Amino acid sequence: MSPAEAEHRRVRAHLTDALRAVRAAPTDALTPDRRARRRAALGALARYIAAGRFPRNRVAPTPTPVFVDADGARCAMAALIGYTGGDALVRRIAREHNLAYVEQLRGDPELGAWLDHHGISVAEAARIQPAYGAYEEPSRWQPTVSVVASAAAGASTESGPQLALAPAVRLGVRRVSRGGDDHGNSRYGSLALTAEYARSFVIGVGGAHRVGLLLQWEPAGNSSDAQWYLLGGPLAAIDDDGEPGGAWGAQLGAGFNFRTRTVPLLFEAMLQGLGRSTGATLQVAVNAGVVW
């Protein structure tokens, strides 16, 4: 079980136990209207638990309440207040006291009025409120390999319009970070450095060897099943016949991959530029391949 899944299960278990305990508490001292509102609020809590959309702790290395997280996911008390039309109160508490325990908000008159109106004590609200632990996994390094086929169109100052095909292979290392989203699903980010070799065939012109270095950045927050990324780096080409010789330049692009699927596909769009003393070449390439 991943840390994300373990944290999600822990929060769900806490809320389930809290709901059971609060439902079992005596309500004889409440008026019929307050008992009805209390039952409705606890019914909303049961639906909240079933939905499983809990906030994430991105702000502290130790467990802390999170009233509303950066994605808008609400804690149990924030959700209950929102279900009963108290969105303005939720926004104010999130703005002023987003990491506060309910006991610390005992003196808040608006929150106190809501609790009293719904027949829920401060102690019961504190029992419902969990603290959320951070569950980002430590980053780790791993090898990465890609096999890519490229088709490019562009122009050269020497030979005019060009069409090119290029099979390529990449080999390098990847620094991977994983965490969990508000449903316990894995979240993913990485930074990779790879060396690339391609055999480029320019239609009607000839072939060339291309080598380069690529730095690839996948922002944290991608799902583990599909990632988008940016990549780029220096590029060099060596003509087979030695004339007009080598060329130097760079490439920059964006891509999307499905690394965890049975067939781990990648798709990229790249802009490539090469220059030499006798001229320059600019190409737009579309890549497809597999990545591990």
Protein backbone atom coordinates (compact mmCIF):
# COMPACT_ATOMS: atom_id res chain seq x y z
CA MET A 1 0.00 0.00 0.00
CA SER A 2 1.38 3.42 -0.94
CA PRO A 3 1.65 6.24 1.65
CA ALA A 4 -1.17 8.03 -0.18
CA GLU A 5 -3.48 5.04 0.15
CA ALA A 6 -2.56 4.54 3.79
CA GLU A 7 -3.27 8.19 4.62
CA HIS A 8 -6.60 8.11 2.80
CA ARG A 9 -7.66 4.99 4.69
CA ARG A 10 -6.57 6.50 8.01
CA VAL A 11 -8.69 9.62 7.47
CA ARG A 12 -11.68 7.55 6.35
CA ALA A 13 -11.38 5.30 9.43
CA HIS A 14 -11.16 8.34 11.74
CA LEU A 15 -14.26 9.92 10.23
CA THR A 16 -16.20 6.64 10.29
CA ASP A 17 -15.43 6.16 14.00
CA ALA A 18 -16.28 9.79 14.75
CA LEU A 19 -19.62 9.53 12.94
CA ARG A 20 -20.50 6.37 14.86
CA ALA A 21 -19.62 8.00 18.19
CA VAL A 22 -21.52 11.23 17.55
CA ARG A 23 -24.59 9.39 16.28
CA ALA A 24 -24.62 7.31 19.47
CA ALA A 25 -24.52 10.35 21.77
CA PRO A 26 -27.80 11.20 23.62
CA THR A 27 -29.87 14.05 22.16
CA ASP A 28 -32.70 14.26 24.75
CA ALA A 29 -31.77 17.83 25.64
CA LEU A 30 -32.23 19.04 22.06
CA THR A 31 -35.43 20.43 20.65
CA PRO A 32 -37.09 18.41 17.85
CA ASP A 33 -35.95 20.95 15.26
CA ARG A 34 -32.33 20.80 16.44
CA ARG A 35 -32.42 16.99 16.49
CA ALA A 36 -33.70 17.02 12.90
CA ARG A 37 -30.95 19.39 11.78
CA ARG A 38 -28.37 17.28 13.62
CA ARG A 39 -29.55 14.11 11.84
CA ALA A 40 -29.39 15.90 8.48
CA ALA A 41 -25.86 17.14 9.18
CA LEU A 42 -24.66 13.68 10.21
CA GLY A 43 -26.29 12.21 7.12
CA ALA A 44 -24.27 14.71 5.07
CA LEU A 45 -21.15 13.57 6.94
CA ALA A 46 -21.86 9.96 5.93
CA ARG A 47 -22.13 11.05 2.28
CA TYR A 48 -18.88 13.02 2.61
CA ILE A 49 -17.08 9.94 3.93
CA ALA A 50 -18.47 7.81 1.10
CA ALA A 51 -17.33 10.35 -1.51
CA GLY A 52 -13.79 10.22 -0.10
CA ARG A 53 -12.65 13.65 -1.23
CA PHE A 54 -10.44 14.68 1.67
CA PRO A 55 -7.98 17.60 1.77
CA ARG A 56 -4.23 17.09 1.51
CA ASN A 57 -1.61 18.46 3.86
CA ARG A 58 0.89 20.26 1.63
CA VAL A 59 1.89 22.85 4.21
CA ALA A 60 3.46 21.05 7.17
CA PRO A 61 5.68 18.00 7.66
CA THR A 62 3.56 16.94 10.67
CA PRO A 63 -0.20 16.24 10.78
CA THR A 64 -2.40 19.33 10.94
CA PRO A 65 -6.04 20.20 10.26
CA VAL A 66 -6.61 21.58 6.78
CA PHE A 67 -9.99 23.33 6.54
CA VAL A 68 -9.80 23.76 2.74
CA ASP A 69 -6.79 22.70 0.68
CA ALA A 70 -5.32 24.32 -2.44
CA ASP A 71 -7.54 22.20 -4.70
CA GLY A 72 -10.71 23.23 -2.87
CA ALA A 73 -11.16 19.91 -1.04
CA ARG A 74 -12.87 20.55 2.31
CA CYS A 75 -12.35 18.85 5.65
CA ALA A 76 -15.35 17.15 7.26
CA MET A 77 -16.45 20.19 9.29
CA ALA A 78 -16.03 22.54 6.35
CA ALA A 79 -18.07 20.16 4.20
CA LEU A 80 -20.87 19.97 6.80
CA ILE A 81 -21.05 23.74 7.10
CA GLY A 82 -21.08 24.06 3.32
CA TYR A 83 -23.82 21.44 2.92
CA THR A 84 -26.09 23.56 5.13
CA GLY A 85 -25.56 26.77 3.16
CA GLY A 86 -22.63 28.14 5.15
CA ASP A 87 -20.19 28.65 2.28
CA ALA A 88 -19.41 32.20 3.41
CA LEU A 89 -18.42 30.89 6.85
CA VAL A 90 -16.27 28.18 5.24
CA ARG A 91 -14.45 30.77 3.13
CA ARG A 92 -13.82 33.03 6.13
CA ILE A 93 -12.43 30.28 8.34
CA ALA A 94 -10.28 28.97 5.48
CA ARG A 95 -8.94 32.48 4.95
CA GLU A 96 -8.32 33.33 8.61
CA HIS A 97 -7.77 30.00 10.40
CA ASN A 98 -7.20 27.31 7.78
CA LEU A 99 -4.98 25.14 9.98
CA ALA A 100 -6.79 25.67 13.29
CA TYR A 101 -8.27 22.96 15.48
CA VAL A 102 -11.96 23.33 16.32
CA GLU A 103 -11.07 23.82 19.98
CA GLN A 104 -9.04 26.88 18.98
CA LEU A 105 -12.15 28.32 17.30
CA ARG A 106 -14.35 27.89 20.36
CA GLY A 107 -14.72 31.66 20.67
CA ASP A 108 -15.80 32.22 17.06
CA PRO A 109 -19.40 33.45 17.39
CA GLU A 110 -20.47 32.51 13.87
CA LEU A 111 -19.12 28.95 14.13
CA GLY A 112 -20.62 28.65 17.63
CA ALA A 113 -24.01 29.72 16.30
CA TRP A 114 -23.83 27.14 13.50
CA LEU A 115 -22.94 24.34 15.92
CA ASP A 116 -25.71 25.32 18.32
CA HIS A 117 -28.27 25.58 15.52
CA HIS A 118 -27.42 22.05 14.37
CA GLY A 119 -27.25 20.49 17.82
CA ILE A 120 -23.54 19.64 17.62
CA SER A 121 -21.25 20.42 20.54
CA VAL A 122 -17.72 21.82 20.22
CA ALA A 123 -16.39 18.54 21.62
CA GLU A 124 -18.28 16.57 18.95
CA ALA A 125 -17.01 18.87 16.20
CA ALA A 126 -13.47 18.39 17.53
CA ARG A 127 -14.04 14.61 17.51
CA ILE A 128 -15.08 14.76 13.85
CA GLN A 129 -12.15 16.93 12.73
CA PRO A 130 -9.05 14.91 11.73
CA ALA A 131 -5.50 16.12 11.29
CA TYR A 132 -4.07 15.35 7.86
CA GLY A 133 -0.61 13.91 7.51
CA ALA A 134 1.69 14.70 4.62
CA TYR A 135 2.29 11.63 2.48
CA GLU A 136 4.62 12.64 -0.29
CA GLU A 137 7.03 9.78 -0.95
CA PRO A 138 10.80 10.45 -0.92
CA SER A 139 12.22 11.17 -4.36
CA ARG A 140 14.30 8.42 -5.93
CA TRP A 141 16.53 7.95 -8.97
CA GLN A 142 15.88 5.29 -11.61
CA PRO A 143 17.07 4.51 -15.15
CA THR A 144 14.95 5.52 -18.11
CA VAL A 145 14.99 4.35 -21.75
CA SER A 146 12.98 5.57 -24.75
CA VAL A 147 12.72 4.43 -28.37
CA VAL A 148 11.34 7.16 -30.63
CA ALA A 149 10.36 7.65 -34.27
CA SER A 150 10.38 11.22 -35.56
CA ALA A 151 8.98 12.98 -38.63
CA ALA A 152 10.12 16.57 -39.26
CA ALA A 153 9.41 19.37 -41.68
CA GLY A 154 11.45 22.53 -42.02
CA ALA A 155 13.81 24.56 -44.15
CA SER A 156 17.51 25.05 -44.66
CA THR A 157 19.23 28.18 -45.89
CA GLU A 158 21.37 25.89 -48.05
CA SER A 159 18.86 23.47 -49.62
CA GLY A 160 15.44 25.02 -48.98
CA PRO A 161 12.41 23.04 -47.70
CA GLN A 162 13.15 19.72 -46.02
CA LEU A 163 11.34 16.59 -44.89
CA ALA A 164 13.16 14.20 -42.56
CA LEU A 165 12.61 10.89 -40.77
CA ALA A 166 14.65 9.86 -37.76
CA PRO A 167 14.57 6.80 -35.48
CA ALA A 168 16.13 7.58 -32.11
CA VAL A 169 17.02 6.04 -28.77
CA ARG A 170 17.38 7.80 -25.39
CA LEU A 171 19.14 6.55 -22.30
CA GLY A 172 19.45 8.33 -18.96
CA VAL A 173 18.29 8.72 -15.36
CA ARG A 174 15.08 10.00 -13.86
CA ARG A 175 14.39 11.48 -10.42
CA VAL A 176 10.84 10.49 -9.49
CA SER A 177 8.56 11.97 -6.81
CA ARG A 178 5.19 10.48 -5.89
CA GLY A 179 2.39 11.42 -3.56
CA GLY A 180 -1.35 11.03 -3.20
CA ASP A 181 -4.36 13.06 -4.27
CA ASP A 182 -7.56 13.63 -2.31
CA HIS A 183 -8.93 10.25 -3.46
CA GLY A 184 -5.80 8.28 -2.57
CA ASN A 185 -4.73 8.14 -6.22
CA SER A 186 -1.05 8.38 -6.99
CA ARG A 187 0.37 11.72 -8.12
CA TYR A 188 3.59 11.97 -10.03
CA GLY A 189 6.41 14.33 -10.98
CA SER A 190 9.92 13.80 -12.32
CA LEU A 191 13.11 15.32 -13.67
CA ALA A 192 15.09 13.32 -16.23
CA LEU A 193 18.42 13.76 -17.98
CA THR A 194 18.93 11.60 -21.08
CA ALA A 195 21.43 11.24 -23.89
CA GLU A 196 19.84 10.87 -27.33
CA TYR A 197 21.15 9.35 -30.54
CA ALA A 198 19.15 9.66 -33.79
CA ARG A 199 19.83 8.62 -37.38
CA SER A 200 18.28 11.37 -39.47
CA PHE A 201 17.34 10.85 -43.15
CA VAL A 202 16.60 14.10 -45.00
CA ILE A 203 14.61 13.24 -48.11
CA GLY A 204 16.54 14.17 -51.27
CA VAL A 205 19.56 15.38 -49.30
CA GLY A 206 21.13 12.58 -47.29
CA GLY A 207 21.66 11.21 -43.83
CA ALA A 208 23.23 12.48 -40.65
CA HIS A 209 23.97 11.30 -37.16
CA ARG A 210 22.38 13.42 -34.44
CA VAL A 211 23.33 13.41 -30.77
CA GLY A 212 21.98 15.50 -27.94
CA LEU A 213 21.26 15.90 -24.27
CA LEU A 214 17.68 16.33 -23.07
CA LEU A 215 16.47 17.68 -19.76
CA GLN A 216 12.85 16.65 -19.19
CA TRP A 217 10.59 18.12 -16.51
CA GLU A 218 7.26 16.60 -15.52
CA PRO A 219 5.55 18.87 -12.96
CA ALA A 220 4.42 17.33 -9.68
CA GLY A 221 0.66 16.83 -9.82
CA ASN A 222 0.55 14.63 -12.90
CA SER A 223 -1.39 11.42 -12.39
CA SER A 224 0.76 8.29 -12.30
CA ASP A 225 -1.06 6.98 -15.39
CA ALA A 226 -0.46 9.97 -17.68
CA GLN A 227 2.10 12.77 -17.55
CA TRP A 228 2.71 15.89 -19.58
CA TYR A 229 6.19 17.37 -19.66
CA LEU A 230 8.60 19.89 -21.16
CA LEU A 231 11.98 18.96 -22.56
CA GLY A 232 14.94 20.53 -24.32
CA GLY A 233 18.69 20.68 -24.62
CA PRO A 234 21.72 20.98 -26.92
CA LEU A 235 21.83 19.15 -30.26
CA ALA A 236 24.62 18.29 -32.72
CA ALA A 237 24.58 16.76 -36.22
CA ILE A 238 27.38 15.09 -38.17
CA ASP A 239 26.90 14.62 -41.93
CA ASP A 240 27.87 11.23 -43.35
CA ASP A 241 30.05 12.67 -46.11
CA GLY A 242 31.73 15.28 -43.95
CA GLU A 243 30.48 18.12 -46.14
CA PRO A 244 29.55 20.70 -45.10
CA GLY A 245 30.57 19.20 -41.74
CA GLY A 246 29.07 19.27 -38.29
CA ALA A 247 26.31 21.53 -37.05
CA TRP A 248 25.35 22.67 -33.56
CA GLY A 249 22.08 23.85 -32.11
CA ALA A 250 19.28 23.05 -29.69
CA GLN A 251 15.81 21.54 -29.45
CA LEU A 252 12.83 22.41 -27.30
CA GLY A 253 9.41 20.83 -26.99
CA ALA A 254 6.54 19.38 -24.99
CA GLY A 255 5.19 15.87 -24.66
CA PHE A 256 2.72 13.51 -23.09
CA ASN A 257 3.22 9.91 -22.04
CA PHE A 258 1.47 6.91 -20.49
CA ARG A 259 4.43 5.31 -18.72
CA THR A 260 2.47 2.91 -16.48
CA ARG A 261 0.34 1.32 -19.22
CA THR A 262 1.00 -2.03 -20.88
CA VAL A 263 2.34 -0.17 -23.93
CA PRO A 264 4.07 2.92 -22.42
CA LEU A 265 3.54 5.38 -25.27
CA LEU A 266 4.93 8.88 -25.63
CA PHE A 267 4.01 11.72 -28.01
CA GLU A 268 6.02 14.92 -28.48
CA ALA A 269 6.18 18.11 -30.53
CA MET A 270 9.68 19.57 -30.93
CA LEU A 271 11.32 22.64 -32.44
CA GLN A 272 14.89 21.95 -33.61
CA GLY A 273 17.48 24.43 -34.84
CA LEU A 274 20.97 23.72 -36.20
CA GLY A 275 23.60 26.14 -37.46
CA ARG A 276 26.95 25.91 -39.22
CA SER A 277 29.25 28.38 -40.93
CA THR A 278 27.50 27.85 -44.26
CA GLY A 279 23.90 28.15 -43.12
CA ALA A 280 21.18 27.06 -40.71
CA THR A 281 18.30 24.59 -40.51
CA LEU A 282 15.03 24.93 -38.59
CA GLN A 283 12.61 22.02 -38.24
CA VAL A 284 9.35 21.19 -36.47
CA ALA A 285 9.22 17.51 -35.47
CA VAL A 286 6.50 15.18 -34.25
CA ASN A 287 7.74 12.21 -32.19
CA ALA A 288 6.05 8.99 -31.14
CA GLY A 289 7.54 6.10 -29.24
CA VAL A 290 7.67 4.08 -26.05
CA VAL A 291 9.31 4.97 -22.72
CA TRP A 292 10.34 3.07 -19.62
